[in-house]
C-alpha cells in the first residue's frame, strides 16, 4: 500500500498547493481584531500591503520634485541658454533628492495618514 492510497488521505498531486492559515496567523489576526475593537483608529493606522507605503511615497515625491525642479529647468536652460535656468536646474538636481524625502517623512509623521 502506498502512502497516498489510504482512504482518509488524498494523493499529493490532488492536494491544494496553498498553505492553510497557521496558528501564528490566527493568533496575529486575533490580536489585530482585539486592538481594532479597543481602538477603532488603530485599524486605520495599520497599512495594507497593496497601498503605497511611506518609503514609496518619499521616492515618488522625490522623483517628481527632481523632475520638476531640476531636470525640466536644466533642459530648458540648455535649450534657451538662460543661465538662471541652468543654475536652478543644477541646484535642483543636486539637492532636491536629498532634501525632499526627509521633508515628506516629517509630513507623514505629523499627519498620520489613514492608510
N, C-alpha and C. Protein backbone atom coordinates (compact mmCIF):
# COMPACT_ATOMS: atom_id res chain seq x y z
N UNK A 1 0.84 -1.17 0.00
CA UNK A 1 0.00 0.00 0.00
C UNK A 1 0.89 1.24 0.00
N UNK A 2 0.61 2.19 -0.86
CA UNK A 2 1.39 3.42 -0.95
C UNK A 2 0.86 4.46 0.03
N UNK A 3 1.70 5.44 0.41
CA UNK A 3 1.26 6.43 1.40
C UNK A 3 0.02 7.22 0.96
N UNK A 4 -0.16 7.48 -0.29
CA UNK A 4 -1.30 8.26 -0.76
C UNK A 4 -2.53 7.43 -1.02
N UNK A 5 -2.47 6.10 -0.83
CA UNK A 5 -3.59 5.22 -1.15
C UNK A 5 -4.53 4.97 0.02
N UNK A 6 -4.27 5.53 1.17
CA UNK A 6 -5.16 5.31 2.30
C UNK A 6 -6.47 6.03 2.06
N UNK A 7 -7.52 5.55 2.70
CA UNK A 7 -8.87 6.06 2.44
C UNK A 7 -9.05 7.50 2.89
N UNK A 8 -8.43 7.90 4.01
CA UNK A 8 -8.66 9.25 4.51
C UNK A 8 -7.61 10.26 4.03
N UNK A 9 -6.69 9.84 3.19
CA UNK A 9 -5.65 10.73 2.68
C UNK A 9 -5.83 10.91 1.18
N UNK A 10 -5.65 12.16 0.72
CA UNK A 10 -5.69 12.43 -0.71
C UNK A 10 -4.29 12.27 -1.28
N UNK A 11 -4.18 11.88 -2.52
CA UNK A 11 -2.85 11.85 -3.13
C UNK A 11 -2.26 13.26 -3.19
N UNK A 12 -0.93 13.34 -3.12
CA UNK A 12 -0.27 14.65 -3.06
C UNK A 12 -0.48 15.46 -4.32
N UNK A 13 -0.71 14.82 -5.46
CA UNK A 13 -0.90 15.58 -6.70
C UNK A 13 -2.24 16.30 -6.72
N UNK A 14 -3.21 15.84 -5.94
CA UNK A 14 -4.53 16.46 -5.92
C UNK A 14 -4.71 17.42 -4.75
N UNK A 15 -3.73 17.51 -3.86
CA UNK A 15 -3.86 18.39 -2.70
C UNK A 15 -3.76 19.84 -3.15
N UNK A 16 -4.39 20.70 -2.36
CA UNK A 16 -4.32 22.13 -2.63
C UNK A 16 -2.90 22.61 -2.35
N UNK A 17 -2.33 23.40 -3.25
CA UNK A 17 -0.95 23.85 -3.10
C UNK A 17 -0.84 25.05 -2.17
N UNK A 18 -1.95 25.73 -1.86
CA UNK A 18 -1.89 26.86 -0.95
C UNK A 18 -1.82 26.37 0.49
N UNK A 19 -0.91 26.92 1.27
CA UNK A 19 -0.85 26.50 2.67
C UNK A 19 -2.02 27.11 3.44
N UNK A 20 -2.48 26.39 4.43
CA UNK A 20 -3.57 26.89 5.27
C UNK A 20 -3.05 27.92 6.25
N UNK A 21 -3.96 28.59 6.91
CA UNK A 21 -3.55 29.56 7.92
C UNK A 21 -3.02 28.83 9.14
N UNK A 22 -1.82 29.16 9.51
CA UNK A 22 -1.21 28.51 10.65
C UNK A 22 -1.67 29.13 11.95
N UNK A 23 -1.29 28.53 13.07
CA UNK A 23 -1.71 29.06 14.37
C UNK A 23 -1.14 30.45 14.64
N UNK A 24 0.04 30.74 14.10
CA UNK A 24 0.62 32.08 14.29
C UNK A 24 -0.22 33.11 13.56
N UNK A 25 -0.66 32.81 12.34
CA UNK A 25 -1.51 33.74 11.59
C UNK A 25 -2.84 33.97 12.29
N UNK A 26 -3.41 32.91 12.83
CA UNK A 26 -4.69 33.06 13.55
C UNK A 26 -4.52 33.90 14.81
N UNK A 27 -3.41 33.69 15.54
CA UNK A 27 -3.16 34.49 16.74
C UNK A 27 -2.95 35.95 16.38
N UNK A 28 -2.21 36.21 15.30
CA UNK A 28 -1.97 37.59 14.87
C UNK A 28 -3.28 38.26 14.48
N UNK A 29 -4.13 37.54 13.73
CA UNK A 29 -5.43 38.09 13.35
C UNK A 29 -6.29 38.36 14.59
N UNK A 30 -6.19 37.50 15.60
CA UNK A 30 -6.96 37.72 16.83
C UNK A 30 -6.46 38.95 17.58
N UNK A 31 -5.15 39.13 17.62
CA UNK A 31 -4.58 40.31 18.29
C UNK A 31 -5.01 41.58 17.57
N UNK A 32 -4.93 41.59 16.25
CA UNK A 32 -5.34 42.77 15.48
C UNK A 32 -6.83 43.03 15.67
N UNK A 33 -7.65 41.97 15.68
CA UNK A 33 -9.08 42.14 15.91
C UNK A 33 -9.38 42.73 17.27
N UNK A 34 -8.66 42.27 18.31
CA UNK A 34 -8.86 42.81 19.65
C UNK A 34 -8.45 44.27 19.72
N UNK A 35 -7.33 44.62 19.10
CA UNK A 35 -6.90 46.02 19.08
C UNK A 35 -7.89 46.89 18.31
N UNK A 36 -8.47 46.34 17.25
CA UNK A 36 -9.44 47.09 16.46
C UNK A 36 -10.69 47.39 17.27
N UNK A 37 -11.13 46.44 18.10
CA UNK A 37 -12.32 46.68 18.90
C UNK A 37 -12.05 47.67 20.04
N UNK A 38 -10.84 47.65 20.59
CA UNK A 38 -10.48 48.59 21.66
C UNK A 38 -10.29 50.00 21.13
N UNK A 39 -9.61 50.14 20.00
CA UNK A 39 -9.28 51.45 19.43
C UNK A 39 -9.59 51.43 17.95
N UNK A 40 -10.74 51.97 17.52
CA UNK A 40 -11.10 51.94 16.11
C UNK A 40 -10.09 52.68 15.21
N UNK A 41 -9.38 53.64 15.78
CA UNK A 41 -8.39 54.36 14.97
C UNK A 41 -7.18 53.48 14.64
N UNK A 42 -6.96 52.43 15.43
CA UNK A 42 -5.83 51.54 15.19
C UNK A 42 -5.92 50.89 13.81
N UNK A 43 -7.10 50.48 13.41
CA UNK A 43 -7.27 49.82 12.12
C UNK A 43 -6.90 50.75 10.98
N UNK A 44 -7.08 52.04 11.14
CA UNK A 44 -6.71 52.98 10.08
C UNK A 44 -5.20 53.14 9.99
N UNK A 45 -4.49 53.00 11.12
CA UNK A 45 -3.04 53.21 11.11
C UNK A 45 -2.28 52.00 10.61
N UNK A 46 -2.87 50.83 10.58
CA UNK A 46 -2.21 49.63 10.08
C UNK A 46 -2.24 49.67 8.57
N UNK A 47 -1.07 49.67 7.95
CA UNK A 47 -1.02 49.78 6.50
C UNK A 47 -1.29 48.43 5.84
N UNK A 48 -1.90 48.48 4.68
CA UNK A 48 -2.15 47.27 3.91
C UNK A 48 -1.05 47.12 2.87
N UNK A 49 -0.83 45.90 2.44
CA UNK A 49 0.28 45.62 1.52
C UNK A 49 0.05 46.22 0.14
N UNK A 50 -1.19 46.35 -0.29
CA UNK A 50 -1.42 46.80 -1.66
C UNK A 50 -1.39 48.32 -1.81
N UNK A 51 -1.30 49.05 -0.72
CA UNK A 51 -1.28 50.51 -0.79
C UNK A 51 0.14 51.03 -0.73
N UNK A 52 0.31 52.30 -1.06
CA UNK A 52 1.63 52.90 -1.02
C UNK A 52 2.11 53.04 0.41
N UNK A 53 3.34 52.70 0.64
CA UNK A 53 3.95 52.87 1.95
C UNK A 53 4.70 54.18 1.97
N UNK A 54 5.14 54.59 3.15
CA UNK A 54 5.78 55.90 3.28
C UNK A 54 7.08 55.98 2.46
N UNK A 55 7.84 54.90 2.39
CA UNK A 55 9.07 54.92 1.60
C UNK A 55 8.78 55.08 0.12
N UNK A 56 7.71 54.45 -0.34
CA UNK A 56 7.33 54.60 -1.75
C UNK A 56 6.84 56.01 -2.04
N UNK A 57 6.12 56.60 -1.08
CA UNK A 57 5.67 57.99 -1.26
C UNK A 57 6.87 58.92 -1.30
N UNK A 58 7.86 58.70 -0.44
CA UNK A 58 9.06 59.53 -0.43
C UNK A 58 9.79 59.45 -1.76
N UNK A 59 9.92 58.23 -2.29
CA UNK A 59 10.62 58.07 -3.57
C UNK A 59 9.85 58.75 -4.70
N UNK A 60 8.53 58.61 -4.71
CA UNK A 60 7.71 59.20 -5.75
C UNK A 60 7.78 60.73 -5.70
N UNK A 61 7.63 61.31 -4.52
CA UNK A 61 7.69 62.77 -4.39
C UNK A 61 9.10 63.26 -4.71
N UNK A 62 10.13 62.55 -4.28
CA UNK A 62 11.49 62.94 -4.60
C UNK A 62 11.76 62.91 -6.10
N UNK A 63 11.25 61.88 -6.77
CA UNK A 63 11.41 61.78 -8.22
C UNK A 63 10.69 62.92 -8.94
N UNK A 64 9.44 63.16 -8.55
CA UNK A 64 8.68 64.23 -9.21
C UNK A 64 9.30 65.60 -8.95
N UNK A 65 9.76 65.83 -7.72
CA UNK A 65 10.39 67.11 -7.41
C UNK A 65 11.69 67.28 -8.19
N UNK A 66 12.48 66.22 -8.30
CA UNK A 66 13.71 66.29 -9.08
C UNK A 66 13.40 66.57 -10.54
N UNK A 67 12.37 65.94 -11.04
CA UNK A 67 11.99 66.15 -12.43
C UNK A 67 11.52 67.59 -12.66
N UNK A 68 10.64 68.07 -11.79
CA UNK A 68 10.07 69.40 -12.00
C UNK A 68 11.01 70.53 -11.61
N UNK A 69 11.79 70.36 -10.55
CA UNK A 69 12.66 71.42 -10.08
C UNK A 69 14.10 71.29 -10.55
N UNK A 70 14.43 70.20 -11.21
CA UNK A 70 15.81 70.01 -11.64
C UNK A 70 15.96 69.74 -13.12
N UNK A 71 15.34 68.68 -13.60
CA UNK A 71 15.56 68.25 -14.97
C UNK A 71 14.91 69.21 -15.97
N UNK A 72 13.66 69.58 -15.71
CA UNK A 72 12.96 70.47 -16.64
C UNK A 72 13.64 71.83 -16.75
N UNK A 73 13.96 72.52 -15.62
CA UNK A 73 14.68 73.79 -15.76
C UNK A 73 16.05 73.64 -16.41
N UNK A 74 16.74 72.55 -16.12
CA UNK A 74 18.05 72.34 -16.73
C UNK A 74 17.92 72.14 -18.23
N UNK A 75 16.94 71.35 -18.65
CA UNK A 75 16.74 71.14 -20.08
C UNK A 75 16.33 72.43 -20.78
N UNK A 76 15.44 73.20 -20.15
CA UNK A 76 15.05 74.48 -20.75
C UNK A 76 16.22 75.46 -20.77
N UNK A 77 17.05 75.43 -19.73
CA UNK A 77 18.23 76.29 -19.69
C UNK A 77 19.24 75.93 -20.76
N UNK A 78 19.40 74.64 -21.04
CA UNK A 78 20.31 74.22 -22.10
C UNK A 78 19.77 74.66 -23.45
N UNK A 79 18.46 74.53 -23.65
CA UNK A 79 17.85 74.90 -24.93
C UNK A 79 17.90 76.41 -25.17
N UNK A 80 17.56 77.17 -24.13
CA UNK A 80 17.45 78.63 -24.32
C UNK A 80 18.71 79.38 -23.92
N UNK A 81 19.68 78.71 -23.38
CA UNK A 81 20.94 79.31 -22.93
C UNK A 81 20.71 80.39 -21.87
N UNK A 82 19.73 80.17 -20.99
CA UNK A 82 19.47 81.10 -19.88
C UNK A 82 20.19 80.58 -18.65
N UNK A 83 21.09 81.38 -18.13
CA UNK A 83 21.96 80.98 -17.03
C UNK A 83 21.16 80.70 -15.76
N UNK A 84 20.12 81.47 -15.51
CA UNK A 84 19.32 81.28 -14.30
C UNK A 84 18.68 79.89 -14.30
N UNK A 85 18.14 79.47 -15.44
CA UNK A 85 17.53 78.15 -15.51
C UNK A 85 18.58 77.05 -15.38
N UNK A 86 19.75 77.26 -15.97
CA UNK A 86 20.83 76.27 -15.83
C UNK A 86 21.23 76.12 -14.37
N UNK A 87 21.39 77.24 -13.67
CA UNK A 87 21.79 77.21 -12.26
C UNK A 87 20.69 76.57 -11.41
N UNK A 88 19.44 77.00 -11.62
CA UNK A 88 18.32 76.46 -10.86
C UNK A 88 18.18 74.96 -11.09
N UNK A 89 18.32 74.51 -12.33
CA UNK A 89 18.23 73.09 -12.65
C UNK A 89 19.35 72.28 -12.03
N UNK A 90 20.57 72.81 -12.06
CA UNK A 90 21.70 72.10 -11.46
C UNK A 90 21.54 71.98 -9.95
N UNK A 91 21.09 73.06 -9.31
CA UNK A 91 20.86 73.02 -7.86
C UNK A 91 19.71 72.06 -7.54
N UNK A 92 18.67 72.09 -8.36
CA UNK A 92 17.53 71.20 -8.15
C UNK A 92 17.92 69.73 -8.26
N UNK A 93 18.71 69.41 -9.26
CA UNK A 93 19.14 68.02 -9.43
C UNK A 93 20.06 67.58 -8.29
N UNK A 94 20.87 68.49 -7.78
CA UNK A 94 21.83 68.14 -6.73
C UNK A 94 21.18 68.00 -5.36
N UNK A 95 20.26 68.89 -5.02
CA UNK A 95 19.79 68.94 -3.63
C UNK A 95 18.37 68.42 -3.39
N UNK A 96 17.51 68.45 -4.38
CA UNK A 96 16.13 68.01 -4.17
C UNK A 96 16.04 66.55 -3.75
N UNK A 97 16.77 65.61 -4.34
CA UNK A 97 16.65 64.21 -3.89
C UNK A 97 17.13 64.00 -2.46
N UNK A 98 17.95 64.89 -1.95
CA UNK A 98 18.45 64.76 -0.59
C UNK A 98 17.49 65.41 0.41
N UNK A 99 16.86 66.51 0.02
CA UNK A 99 16.03 67.29 0.93
C UNK A 99 14.59 66.79 0.99
N UNK A 100 14.01 66.40 -0.14
CA UNK A 100 12.58 66.09 -0.20
C UNK A 100 12.18 64.85 0.61
N UNK A 101 12.85 63.71 0.52
CA UNK A 101 12.38 62.55 1.30
C UNK A 101 12.31 62.78 2.82
N UNK A 102 13.31 63.41 3.46
CA UNK A 102 13.14 63.69 4.90
C UNK A 102 11.97 64.64 5.18
N UNK A 103 11.75 65.61 4.29
CA UNK A 103 10.62 66.52 4.49
C UNK A 103 9.29 65.77 4.38
N UNK A 104 9.19 64.85 3.42
CA UNK A 104 7.98 64.04 3.28
C UNK A 104 7.82 63.14 4.50
N UNK A 105 8.91 62.60 5.01
CA UNK A 105 8.85 61.78 6.22
C UNK A 105 8.33 62.55 7.41
N UNK A 106 8.79 63.79 7.58
CA UNK A 106 8.26 64.63 8.66
C UNK A 106 6.78 64.90 8.48
N UNK A 107 6.40 65.20 7.26
CA UNK A 107 4.99 65.50 6.98
C UNK A 107 4.12 64.27 7.25
N UNK A 108 4.55 63.10 6.79
CA UNK A 108 3.76 61.88 7.01
C UNK A 108 3.73 61.51 8.51
N UNK A 109 4.81 61.79 9.21
CA UNK A 109 4.84 61.50 10.64
C UNK A 109 3.88 62.37 11.43
N UNK A 110 3.67 63.59 10.99
CA UNK A 110 2.76 64.50 11.70
C UNK A 110 1.32 64.30 11.30
N UNK A 111 1.08 63.92 10.04
CA UNK A 111 -0.28 63.78 9.55
C UNK A 111 -0.93 62.46 9.95
N UNK A 112 -0.14 61.38 10.08
CA UNK A 112 -0.67 60.03 10.31
C UNK A 112 -1.78 59.71 9.32
N UNK A 113 -1.41 59.46 8.08
CA UNK A 113 -2.45 59.20 7.07
C UNK A 113 -3.24 57.95 7.40
N UNK A 114 -4.46 57.91 6.87
CA UNK A 114 -5.39 56.83 7.21
C UNK A 114 -5.24 55.63 6.28
N UNK A 115 -4.05 55.35 5.80
CA UNK A 115 -3.88 54.12 5.03
C UNK A 115 -2.96 53.29 5.80
